[in-house]
Protein backbone atom coordinates (compact mmCIF):
# COMPACT_ATOMS: atom_id res chain seq x y z
CA UNK A 1 -11.23 -6.56 -8.46
CA UNK A 2 -9.81 -4.60 -5.49
CA UNK A 3 -6.60 -3.71 -7.53
CA UNK A 4 -8.86 -2.23 -10.33
CA UNK A 5 -10.88 -0.15 -8.06
CA UNK A 6 -8.11 1.21 -6.19
CA UNK A 7 -6.09 2.13 -9.36
CA UNK A 8 -9.24 3.80 -10.80
CA UNK A 9 -9.78 5.83 -7.69
CA UNK A 10 -6.11 6.96 -6.78
CA UNK A 11 -4.67 6.73 -10.42
CA UNK A 12 -1.43 5.00 -8.92
CA UNK A 13 -1.01 1.41 -8.12
CA UNK A 14 -1.57 -0.08 -4.59
CA UNK A 15 1.75 -0.03 -2.66
CA UNK A 16 2.28 -2.03 0.60
CA UNK A 17 5.59 -3.32 2.23
CA UNK A 18 4.19 -6.86 2.53
CA UNK A 19 7.27 -8.13 4.65
CA UNK A 20 5.97 -9.77 7.62
CA UNK A 21 2.06 -9.52 6.61
CA UNK A 22 0.10 -12.48 5.69
CA UNK A 23 -2.46 -12.56 2.76
CA UNK A 24 -5.41 -11.58 5.27
CA UNK A 25 -3.34 -8.71 6.31
CA UNK A 26 -2.62 -7.33 2.95
CA UNK A 27 -6.45 -7.92 2.00
CA UNK A 28 -7.57 -6.00 5.02
CA UNK A 29 -5.15 -3.10 4.23
CA UNK A 30 -6.26 -3.20 0.62
CA UNK A 31 -10.13 -2.94 1.93
CA UNK A 32 -9.32 -0.19 4.78
CA UNK A 33 -7.13 1.92 2.35
CA UNK A 34 -9.58 1.85 -0.63
CA UNK A 35 -11.84 4.36 1.50
CA UNK A 36 -9.14 6.93 2.05
CA UNK A 37 -9.31 10.18 0.59
CA UNK A 38 -6.74 10.61 -2.37
CA UNK A 39 -4.37 13.05 0.07
CA UNK A 40 -4.55 10.58 2.79
CA UNK A 41 -3.78 7.43 0.47
CA UNK A 42 -0.94 9.36 -1.28
CA UNK A 43 0.76 9.93 2.07
CA UNK A 44 0.11 6.21 3.04
CA UNK A 45 1.79 5.06 -0.30
CA UNK A 46 4.81 7.19 0.22
CA UNK A 47 4.98 5.77 3.81
CA UNK A 48 4.95 2.32 2.46
CA UNK A 49 7.71 3.14 -0.22
CA UNK A 50 9.90 4.37 2.76
CA UNK A 51 9.17 0.97 4.38
CA UNK A 52 10.05 -1.03 1.23
CA UNK A 53 13.36 1.21 0.78
CA UNK A 54 14.40 0.59 4.50
CA UNK A 55 14.04 -3.10 4.32
CA UNK A 56 15.91 -3.28 1.14
CA UNK A 57 18.72 -1.19 2.81
CA UNK A 58 18.97 -3.62 5.66
CA UNK A 59 19.83 -6.36 3.49
CA UNK A 60 22.80 -4.49 1.92
């Protein structure tokens, strides 16, 4: 339900570097970020992509 609402609003999927986060933290982020403006959320999503890339590089 949150995923559908998020994608309908922002036109891209919810992106979060979930390493170290529990289910409650992920849902809380979802519920907070759905209220962002499109520009703010796009920047947030890019930050999360950078975190994901960083975590992956650490494992190389």
